[in-house]
């Protein structure tokens, strides 16, 4: 059955309708290394090439995860995976990490540091998280604010993150030594069944009464409709003739089956990714979480431990069908573009209250709020966030901030129905939940937690439309 892309105000908006980066914190790991970083601007060679990297991002036992002290790690552990595309101007770096979020100054440092390694600019680097909850959080702004107030940094201790950044840099440099030609791009999609469900289906008089979370033990909530989702997983693959080199997957849902175990693990998306890696071993599999801020597995997950594997198998099954659906198209560097649009999201003044409360709270309160406070302060300083878009042939992949609601992903697809559109959210985690205009009137957990206001909808939609307009104007015509 065809699903309504959105509710009234959001559809109406669709139809009718910048910041200095912190530089003092760039990681410079190579002072005593024989590795050489070529920072000369790369000219368009016309030959598209790809490098891949895969780094262990699992902290040591005893580290503070986002919510709990780490007592062990799972067999799979946490990964930082990505690709480097060269030949189409300066290199483009795409990276996905099995952490809950990377925000504010940490985003600046990650992008700048990876750019140093790749010989590119920070604007051409996208760093996203998959948003697993038994995993670290990274926010150097929160770390600094806590230190300035003589408070324990807790889960915002950035020591391990800085090590991971150095390791990713080295992996990128090594990847650039083993670049492979890209002759074709593969595009495929397929629905994933009985995983994603909307969290905001329990309404009374136009207001959200109860959120249906990542796991839900209430049978009456699980019995409610699946709600608005994007059922499809999208796959973009890069090939050297008949050899697959990398597969990027995009699917919108919170990735939790159960958590707060003290065991660092990539949850069911990481298991699904691993199963697909085993099935197609010659290609690196990189997974990006789509606009899943209001999407979770709650309808199909009561939190039973056995459900982690069941959800992973369902997700892997959809990925396999998308792989079988994949069609390959010739590609060259001239068909690859990277476009950005800076946005300044509107800040909710109530976010300032966090600063008054941070000295009397700890643990989960700080984990959930310090990033929002840091983002609020940066926004007042005029610090913008980039929306990025990678275009390859007829594919458009948007790289977005925050815990974006699924309506934005569906809107981007509706704006370009003749294109293959995919979306990764969970870039800069500072804005936290970003709802639609109507959602802010409905209330609910996500909206109460959101540091932005309802005006965010028009700003984000306009940015997507602006990028689409630029791409259309620059399209190569016969």
Protein backbone atom coordinates (compact mmCIF):
# COMPACT_ATOMS: atom_id res chain seq x y z
CA UNK A 1 0.00 0.00 0.00
CA UNK A 2 1.33 3.41 -0.92
CA UNK A 3 2.08 5.44 2.18
CA UNK A 4 1.39 9.15 2.59
CA UNK A 5 4.75 10.94 2.45
CA UNK A 6 3.78 13.29 5.25
CA UNK A 7 1.06 15.01 7.14
CA UNK A 8 -0.62 18.26 6.13
CA UNK A 9 1.80 21.02 7.08
CA UNK A 10 4.85 19.11 5.92
CA UNK A 11 3.35 18.26 2.54
CA UNK A 12 2.32 21.87 2.08
CA UNK A 13 5.87 22.98 2.75
CA UNK A 14 7.24 20.51 0.22
CA UNK A 15 4.82 21.48 -2.49
CA UNK A 16 5.13 25.25 -2.00
CA UNK A 17 8.21 25.38 -1.39
CA UNK A 18 27.02 29.07 7.64
CA UNK A 19 30.15 28.59 10.10
CA UNK A 20 33.79 29.17 10.93
CA UNK A 21 35.27 25.81 11.96
CA UNK A 22 37.37 25.29 15.09
CA UNK A 23 40.95 24.79 13.97
CA UNK A 24 42.96 24.71 17.19
CA UNK A 25 42.10 21.09 17.89
CA UNK A 26 43.07 19.41 14.59
CA UNK A 27 44.74 16.09 15.30
CA UNK A 28 48.29 16.04 13.97
CA UNK A 29 49.48 12.45 14.49
CA UNK A 30 52.32 12.35 12.01
CA UNK A 31 55.08 14.46 13.54
CA UNK A 32 57.13 11.33 14.28
CA UNK A 33 55.78 9.22 11.44
CA UNK A 34 57.30 8.32 8.11
CA UNK A 35 53.87 8.65 6.49
CA UNK A 36 53.58 11.62 4.16
CA UNK A 37 50.40 13.60 3.63
CA UNK A 38 50.13 15.31 0.25
CA UNK A 39 48.21 18.53 0.82
CA UNK A 40 48.52 19.86 -2.72
CA UNK A 41 45.09 20.47 -4.27
CA UNK A 42 44.08 17.57 -6.47
CA UNK A 43 43.15 18.34 -10.03
CA UNK A 44 40.31 16.52 -11.73
CA UNK A 45 42.02 13.59 -13.43
CA UNK A 46 38.94 12.21 -15.13
CA UNK A 47 39.72 8.79 -13.65
CA UNK A 48 37.54 7.95 -10.70
CA UNK A 49 39.24 5.88 -8.01
CA UNK A 50 38.29 4.61 -4.58
CA UNK A 51 40.15 3.78 -1.40
CA UNK A 52 38.60 1.95 1.54
CA UNK A 53 39.36 1.98 5.27
CA UNK A 54 38.13 -0.03 8.24
CA UNK A 55 39.33 0.80 11.77
CA UNK A 56 38.60 -0.70 15.18
CA UNK A 57 36.61 1.89 17.17
CA UNK A 58 36.06 -0.24 20.28
CA UNK A 59 37.29 1.41 23.48
CA UNK A 60 39.21 -0.60 26.08
CA UNK A 61 37.39 -2.39 28.89
CA UNK A 62 36.82 0.01 31.76
CA UNK A 63 36.06 2.95 29.49
CA UNK A 64 32.93 5.00 30.03
CA UNK A 65 30.39 4.32 27.30
CA UNK A 66 27.58 6.83 26.78
CA UNK A 67 25.50 5.51 29.67
CA UNK A 68 27.54 2.85 31.49
CA UNK A 69 31.04 1.71 32.34
CA UNK A 70 32.24 -0.79 29.73
CA UNK A 71 32.73 -4.27 31.16
CA UNK A 72 33.36 -6.12 27.89
CA UNK A 73 32.98 -5.92 24.13
CA UNK A 74 31.01 -8.18 21.83
CA UNK A 75 32.61 -10.54 19.33
CA UNK A 76 32.10 -7.96 16.54
CA UNK A 77 33.15 -4.85 18.42
CA UNK A 78 32.71 -1.35 16.99
CA UNK A 79 34.08 -0.17 13.63
CA UNK A 80 34.85 3.05 11.80
CA UNK A 81 34.42 2.31 8.10
CA UNK A 82 34.55 4.49 5.04
CA UNK A 83 35.68 5.33 1.55
CA UNK A 84 37.80 7.95 -0.19
CA UNK A 85 36.80 8.96 -3.73
CA UNK A 86 39.45 10.64 -5.87
CA UNK A 87 39.57 12.07 -9.37
CA UNK A 88 36.56 14.40 -9.16
CA UNK A 89 38.33 17.45 -7.78
CA UNK A 90 39.67 17.19 -4.26
CA UNK A 91 39.05 13.83 -2.56
CA UNK A 92 35.70 13.07 -0.93
CA UNK A 93 35.71 11.14 2.37
CA UNK A 94 32.65 9.30 3.74
CA UNK A 95 32.93 7.70 7.18
CA UNK A 96 30.42 5.85 9.40
CA UNK A 97 31.28 4.96 13.00
CA UNK A 98 29.54 2.60 15.43
CA UNK A 99 29.12 5.28 18.13
CA UNK A 100 26.01 6.98 19.45
CA UNK A 101 26.98 10.44 18.21
CA UNK A 102 29.80 12.83 17.23
CA UNK A 103 28.90 16.46 17.75
CA UNK A 104 29.99 20.09 17.82
CA UNK A 105 33.77 20.63 18.03
CA UNK A 106 34.29 16.89 17.64
CA UNK A 107 32.68 17.08 14.21
CA UNK A 108 35.04 19.94 13.33
CA UNK A 109 38.08 18.00 14.52
CA UNK A 110 37.08 14.75 12.82
CA UNK A 111 36.44 16.47 9.50
CA UNK A 112 39.55 18.61 9.60
CA UNK A 113 41.78 15.73 10.70
CA UNK A 114 40.46 13.30 8.09
CA UNK A 115 40.81 16.04 5.49
CA UNK A 116 44.47 16.43 6.42
CA UNK A 117 45.00 12.71 5.86
CA UNK A 118 43.12 12.62 2.55
CA UNK A 119 44.59 15.84 1.14
CA UNK A 120 41.23 17.54 0.88
CA UNK A 121 39.12 20.17 2.68
CA UNK A 122 36.82 19.58 5.68
CA UNK A 123 33.79 20.54 3.58
CA UNK A 124 34.37 17.40 1.49
CA UNK A 125 34.37 15.06 4.50
CA UNK A 126 31.22 13.48 5.98
CA UNK A 127 31.44 11.81 9.41
CA UNK A 128 28.36 9.99 10.66
CA UNK A 129 27.44 7.58 13.41
CA UNK A 130 25.15 4.55 13.30
CA UNK A 131 23.81 5.57 16.75
CA UNK A 132 24.17 2.34 18.72
CA UNK A 133 23.65 3.02 22.45
CA UNK A 134 26.15 0.59 24.01
CA UNK A 135 28.90 2.70 22.46
CA UNK A 136 30.88 5.91 23.07
CA UNK A 137 29.69 9.46 22.55
CA UNK A 138 32.13 12.11 21.31
CA UNK A 139 31.80 15.84 21.93
CA UNK A 140 34.87 17.96 22.59
CA UNK A 141 32.64 20.98 23.29
CA UNK A 142 30.87 19.12 26.09
CA UNK A 143 34.24 17.91 27.37
CA UNK A 144 35.53 21.49 27.46
CA UNK A 145 32.42 22.89 29.16
CA UNK A 146 32.59 20.27 31.90
CA UNK A 147 36.29 20.93 32.48
CA UNK A 148 35.71 24.68 32.61
CA UNK A 149 33.16 24.09 35.38
CA UNK A 150 35.47 21.69 37.26
CA UNK A 151 33.08 18.80 36.67
CA UNK A 152 33.99 15.19 35.81
CA UNK A 153 33.97 14.70 32.05
CA UNK A 154 32.57 11.17 32.35
CA UNK A 155 31.48 9.79 28.98
CA UNK A 156 32.83 12.94 27.27
CA UNK A 157 36.44 12.06 27.97
CA UNK A 158 37.86 12.46 24.46
CA UNK A 159 41.14 10.60 24.98
CA UNK A 160 40.10 7.46 23.11
CA UNK A 161 38.38 9.45 20.38
CA UNK A 162 41.63 11.26 19.62
CA UNK A 163 43.38 7.90 19.27
CA UNK A 164 40.68 6.69 16.89
CA UNK A 165 41.05 9.85 14.81
CA UNK A 166 44.78 9.18 14.45
CA UNK A 167 44.10 5.59 13.46
CA UNK A 168 41.55 6.64 10.84
CA UNK A 169 44.03 9.16 9.46
CA UNK A 170 46.66 6.47 9.05
CA UNK A 171 44.10 4.14 7.45
CA UNK A 172 43.13 6.86 4.97
CA UNK A 173 46.74 7.48 4.02
CA UNK A 174 47.22 3.76 3.45
CA UNK A 175 43.99 3.62 1.45
CA UNK A 176 45.31 6.36 -0.82
CA UNK A 177 48.28 4.12 -1.59
CA UNK A 178 45.97 1.34 -2.80
CA UNK A 179 43.38 3.20 -4.85
CA UNK A 180 41.40 1.15 -7.34
CA UNK A 181 39.63 2.37 -10.48
CA UNK A 182 35.86 2.75 -10.37
CA UNK A 183 34.29 1.87 -13.72
CA UNK A 184 30.68 1.34 -12.67
CA UNK A 185 28.24 2.27 -9.94
CA UNK A 186 25.52 -0.06 -8.70
CA UNK A 187 22.14 1.14 -7.44
CA UNK A 188 19.64 -1.12 -5.70
CA UNK A 189 16.87 -0.92 -3.13
CA UNK A 190 14.36 -3.21 -1.44
CA UNK A 191 11.96 -3.06 1.48
CA UNK A 192 12.96 -4.41 4.87
CA UNK A 193 10.05 -6.16 6.53
CA UNK A 194 9.04 -5.94 10.20
CA UNK A 195 11.94 -3.90 11.56
CA UNK A 196 11.16 -0.18 11.40
CA UNK A 197 8.05 1.34 12.97
CA UNK A 198 7.09 4.89 13.86
CA UNK A 199 7.51 5.81 17.51
CA UNK A 200 4.80 8.50 17.47
CA UNK A 201 1.60 6.52 16.80
CA UNK A 202 -0.13 6.92 20.18
CA UNK A 203 -2.05 10.19 19.84
CA UNK A 204 -4.93 11.64 21.83
CA UNK A 205 -6.56 14.87 20.67
CA UNK A 206 -3.64 15.64 18.38
CA UNK A 207 -1.00 15.17 21.08
CA UNK A 208 1.51 12.38 21.56
CA UNK A 209 0.58 10.38 24.65
CA UNK A 210 3.24 7.65 24.77
CA UNK A 211 6.33 7.02 22.68
CA UNK A 212 6.72 3.50 21.29
CA UNK A 213 10.43 3.10 21.84
CA UNK A 214 13.16 0.90 20.43
CA UNK A 215 11.76 -1.96 22.47
CA UNK A 216 8.20 -2.05 23.71
CA UNK A 217 6.69 -4.44 26.25
CA UNK A 218 3.18 -2.95 26.02
CA UNK A 219 1.12 -5.21 23.68
CA UNK A 220 -1.40 -2.43 23.02
CA UNK A 221 1.36 -0.16 21.69
CA UNK A 222 2.90 -2.95 19.62
CA UNK A 223 -0.54 -3.64 18.14
CA UNK A 224 -0.84 -0.11 16.82
CA UNK A 225 -0.08 0.44 13.11
CA UNK A 226 3.47 0.49 11.82
CA UNK A 227 3.01 4.18 11.06
CA UNK A 228 4.97 6.37 8.68
CA UNK A 229 8.37 4.89 7.78
CA UNK A 230 10.65 4.58 4.77
CA UNK A 231 10.61 0.80 4.28
CA UNK A 232 13.47 0.70 1.78
CA UNK A 233 17.14 0.03 2.32
CA UNK A 234 19.16 1.72 -0.42
CA UNK A 235 22.48 0.34 -1.67
CA UNK A 236 25.11 2.27 -3.63
CA UNK A 237 28.02 0.11 -4.74
CA UNK A 238 31.29 0.91 -6.50
CA UNK A 239 32.79 -1.54 -9.00
CA UNK A 240 35.95 -2.09 -10.98
CA UNK A 241 34.40 -3.93 -13.92
CA UNK A 242 32.95 -7.12 -12.38
CA UNK A 243 34.67 -6.68 -9.01
CA UNK A 244 32.67 -4.99 -6.22
CA UNK A 245 34.86 -2.65 -4.17
CA UNK A 246 32.52 -1.02 -1.65
CA UNK A 247 28.84 -1.14 -0.75
CA UNK A 248 27.16 1.75 1.10
CA UNK A 249 23.80 0.96 2.70
CA UNK A 250 21.21 3.44 4.00
CA UNK A 251 18.22 2.56 6.21
CA UNK A 252 16.21 4.70 8.61
CA UNK A 253 15.64 3.33 12.12
CA UNK A 254 16.99 3.59 15.62
CA UNK A 255 19.44 0.67 15.83
CA UNK A 256 18.64 -0.63 19.33
CA UNK A 257 17.36 -4.10 20.17
CA UNK A 258 18.36 -3.79 23.83
CA UNK A 259 21.14 -1.83 25.52
CA UNK A 260 22.69 -0.57 28.77
CA UNK A 261 24.53 -3.86 29.10
CA UNK A 262 28.02 -2.45 29.57
CA UNK A 263 29.08 -4.52 26.55
CA UNK A 264 30.16 -2.39 23.59
CA UNK A 265 28.44 -3.78 20.50
CA UNK A 266 27.17 -2.65 17.06
CA UNK A 267 23.64 -4.01 17.70
CA UNK A 268 21.49 -5.44 14.91
CA UNK A 269 22.62 -3.13 12.05
CA UNK A 270 26.22 -4.09 12.76
CA UNK A 271 25.34 -7.79 12.70
CA UNK A 272 23.43 -7.32 9.44
CA UNK A 273 26.38 -5.47 7.96
CA UNK A 274 28.67 -8.33 9.04
CA UNK A 275 26.41 -10.94 7.47
CA UNK A 276 26.46 -9.04 4.19
CA UNK A 277 30.24 -8.67 4.45
CA UNK A 278 30.48 -12.46 4.66
CA UNK A 279 28.14 -12.85 1.68
CA UNK A 280 30.04 -10.35 -0.52
CA UNK A 281 33.56 -10.52 0.95
CA UNK A 282 35.41 -8.61 -1.77
CA UNK A 283 33.62 -5.31 -1.04
CA UNK A 284 33.83 -3.22 2.12
CA UNK A 285 30.33 -2.78 3.57
CA UNK A 286 29.63 0.61 5.16
CA UNK A 287 26.25 1.27 6.79
CA UNK A 288 24.67 4.69 7.35
CA UNK A 289 21.62 5.29 9.53
CA UNK A 290 18.98 7.24 7.64
CA UNK A 291 16.56 9.83 9.02
CA UNK A 292 15.34 7.61 11.84
CA UNK A 293 14.78 10.11 14.65
CA UNK A 294 11.13 9.06 15.02
CA UNK A 295 11.63 5.46 13.83
CA UNK A 296 12.52 2.38 15.89
CA UNK A 297 11.85 -1.36 16.07
CA UNK A 298 9.34 -1.09 18.93
CA UNK A 299 6.38 -2.65 17.11
CA UNK A 300 8.44 -5.77 16.37
CA UNK A 301 10.69 -5.84 19.43
CA UNK A 302 9.72 -6.47 23.05
CA UNK A 303 13.36 -6.26 24.16
CA UNK A 304 13.95 -10.01 24.30
CA UNK A 305 17.62 -10.82 23.83
CA UNK A 306 16.82 -13.22 21.00
CA UNK A 307 15.34 -10.37 18.96
CA UNK A 308 18.74 -8.85 18.20
CA UNK A 309 19.57 -11.69 15.82
CA UNK A 310 16.02 -11.79 14.42
CA UNK A 311 16.12 -8.07 13.59
CA UNK A 312 19.61 -8.45 12.11
CA UNK A 313 18.45 -11.31 9.86
CA UNK A 314 15.47 -9.28 8.66
CA UNK A 315 17.71 -6.34 7.89
CA UNK A 316 20.28 -8.53 6.14
CA UNK A 317 17.50 -10.11 4.10
CA UNK A 318 16.43 -6.69 2.83
CA UNK A 319 20.04 -5.83 2.05
CA UNK A 320 20.42 -9.08 0.12
CA UNK A 321 17.31 -8.37 -1.95
CA UNK A 322 18.55 -4.83 -2.62
CA UNK A 323 21.86 -6.35 -3.74
CA UNK A 324 20.05 -8.70 -6.11
CA UNK A 325 18.03 -5.71 -7.38
CA UNK A 326 21.21 -3.73 -8.08
CA UNK A 327 21.73 -2.39 -11.58
CA UNK A 328 25.15 -1.25 -12.71
CA UNK A 329 25.90 1.86 -14.76
CA UNK A 330 29.16 3.14 -16.28
CA UNK A 331 30.62 6.03 -14.32
CA UNK A 332 33.54 8.46 -14.59
CA UNK A 333 34.83 11.32 -12.50
CA UNK A 334 32.83 13.87 -14.49
CA UNK A 335 29.65 12.21 -13.18
CA UNK A 336 30.64 12.76 -9.54
CA UNK A 337 29.88 15.96 -7.64
CA UNK A 338 30.02 17.04 -4.02
CA UNK A 339 27.70 19.88 -3.02
CA UNK A 340 27.19 21.52 0.37
CA UNK A 341 24.77 24.02 1.83
CA UNK A 342 25.36 25.63 5.24
CA UNK A 343 22.37 25.94 7.54
CA UNK A 344 21.89 27.78 10.83
CA UNK A 345 19.13 25.99 12.71
CA UNK A 346 16.92 27.98 15.12
CA UNK A 347 17.78 27.40 18.78
CA UNK A 348 15.18 26.77 21.47
CA UNK A 349 15.94 29.28 24.28
CA UNK A 350 14.93 26.73 26.93
CA UNK A 351 18.10 24.78 26.09
CA UNK A 352 20.05 27.36 28.11
CA UNK A 353 18.53 25.85 31.29
CA UNK A 354 20.88 22.89 30.92
CA UNK A 355 23.79 25.07 32.03
CA UNK A 356 22.01 25.80 35.31
CA UNK A 357 21.30 22.11 35.92
CA UNK A 358 24.57 20.51 34.85
CA UNK A 359 26.29 21.04 38.23
CA UNK A 360 23.60 19.09 40.11
CA UNK A 361 23.12 16.22 37.67
CA UNK A 362 25.31 13.44 36.35
CA UNK A 363 25.31 10.25 34.29
CA UNK A 364 22.53 9.94 31.70
CA UNK A 365 21.38 13.54 32.22
CA UNK A 366 24.77 14.91 31.17
CA UNK A 367 25.10 12.36 28.37
CA UNK A 368 21.76 13.46 26.90
CA UNK A 369 22.10 17.18 27.48
CA UNK A 370 25.67 18.48 27.29
CA UNK A 371 25.83 18.08 23.51
CA UNK A 372 22.63 20.05 23.18
CA UNK A 373 24.02 22.81 25.39
CA UNK A 374 27.23 22.90 23.38
CA UNK A 375 25.28 23.12 20.13
CA UNK A 376 23.11 25.92 21.59
CA UNK A 377 26.16 27.97 22.53
CA UNK A 378 27.76 27.43 19.12
CA UNK A 379 24.55 28.41 17.36
CA UNK A 380 24.41 31.68 19.30
CA UNK A 381 27.93 32.31 17.94
CA UNK A 382 26.62 31.80 14.40
CA UNK A 383 28.24 28.41 13.80
CA UNK A 384 26.49 26.67 10.93
CA UNK A 385 26.27 23.01 9.94
CA UNK A 386 26.84 21.75 6.40
CA UNK A 387 24.37 19.57 4.56
CA UNK A 388 26.34 17.55 2.03
CA UNK A 389 25.20 15.80 -1.13
CA UNK A 390 27.21 13.27 -3.13
CA UNK A 391 25.94 12.93 -6.68
CA UNK A 392 27.03 9.97 -8.78
CA UNK A 393 25.20 9.68 -12.10
CA UNK A 394 21.49 9.69 -11.15
CA UNK A 395 22.14 8.94 -7.47
CA UNK A 396 21.88 11.71 -4.87
CA UNK A 397 23.02 10.89 -1.34
CA UNK A 398 22.31 13.50 1.33
CA UNK A 399 24.41 13.74 4.49
CA UNK A 400 22.39 15.40 7.25
CA UNK A 401 22.80 16.43 10.90
CA UNK A 402 21.00 15.29 14.01
CA UNK A 403 18.29 12.75 14.74
CA UNK A 404 16.26 13.80 11.75
CA UNK A 405 12.63 12.71 11.42
CA UNK A 406 11.88 10.31 8.56
CA UNK A 407 9.63 12.90 6.87
CA UNK A 408 12.75 14.73 5.69
CA UNK A 409 14.08 11.61 3.99
CA UNK A 410 10.74 10.98 2.30
CA UNK A 411 10.55 14.63 1.27
CA UNK A 412 14.01 14.50 -0.35
CA UNK A 413 12.87 11.47 -2.35
CA UNK A 414 9.61 13.18 -3.32
CA UNK A 415 11.50 16.26 -4.55
CA UNK A 416 13.51 14.18 -7.04
CA UNK A 417 11.30 11.24 -8.05
CA UNK A 418 13.40 10.56 -11.15
CA UNK A 419 16.60 10.18 -9.11
CA UNK A 420 17.96 7.47 -6.84
CA UNK A 421 17.88 9.34 -3.50
CA UNK A 422 19.35 8.08 -0.23
CA UNK A 423 19.97 9.85 3.06
CA UNK A 424 22.32 9.52 6.03
CA UNK A 425 21.39 11.37 9.21
CA UNK A 426 23.36 11.38 12.50
CA UNK A 427 26.12 13.62 11.15
CA UNK A 428 26.65 16.46 13.61
CA UNK A 429 24.77 15.09 16.64
CA UNK A 430 24.57 18.50 18.35
CA UNK A 431 21.03 19.39 17.19
CA UNK A 432 19.76 16.10 18.62
CA UNK A 433 16.13 15.50 17.55
CA UNK A 434 14.93 17.55 14.58
CA UNK A 435 11.19 17.17 14.12
CA UNK A 436 8.72 18.53 11.62
CA UNK A 437 6.69 21.69 12.16
CA UNK A 438 3.60 19.66 12.99
CA UNK A 439 5.52 17.41 15.38
CA UNK A 440 6.46 20.41 17.53
CA UNK A 441 2.74 21.06 17.99
CA UNK A 442 2.09 17.41 18.88
CA UNK A 443 4.76 17.28 21.61
CA UNK A 444 6.21 13.99 22.77
CA UNK A 445 9.62 12.85 23.97
CA UNK A 446 11.57 13.82 20.86
CA UNK A 447 10.15 17.33 20.82
CA UNK A 448 10.63 17.93 24.54
CA UNK A 449 14.25 16.84 24.01
CA UNK A 450 14.82 18.93 20.88
CA UNK A 451 17.05 22.02 21.14
CA UNK A 452 15.75 23.37 17.81
CA UNK A 453 12.35 24.88 17.00
CA UNK A 454 9.68 24.20 14.41
CA UNK A 455 11.31 26.70 12.02
CA UNK A 456 13.95 24.01 11.36
CA UNK A 457 11.58 22.35 8.87
CA UNK A 458 11.53 25.19 6.35
CA UNK A 459 15.29 25.76 6.68
CA UNK A 460 16.18 22.13 5.99
CA UNK A 461 13.72 21.72 3.15
CA UNK A 462 14.97 24.91 1.55
CA UNK A 463 18.56 23.67 1.80
CA UNK A 464 17.63 20.40 0.05
CA UNK A 465 15.80 22.32 -2.66
CA UNK A 466 18.77 24.67 -3.08
CA UNK A 467 21.13 21.72 -3.56
CA UNK A 468 18.73 20.16 -6.05
CA UNK A 469 18.60 23.43 -7.96
CA UNK A 470 22.38 23.67 -8.14
CA UNK A 471 22.64 20.10 -9.35
CA UNK A 472 20.02 20.66 -12.02
CA UNK A 473 21.74 23.81 -13.24
CA UNK A 474 25.12 22.08 -13.41
CA UNK A 475 23.85 18.93 -15.09
CA UNK A 476 25.78 17.97 -18.20
CA UNK A 477 23.39 18.17 -21.13
CA UNK A 478 23.82 16.59 -24.59
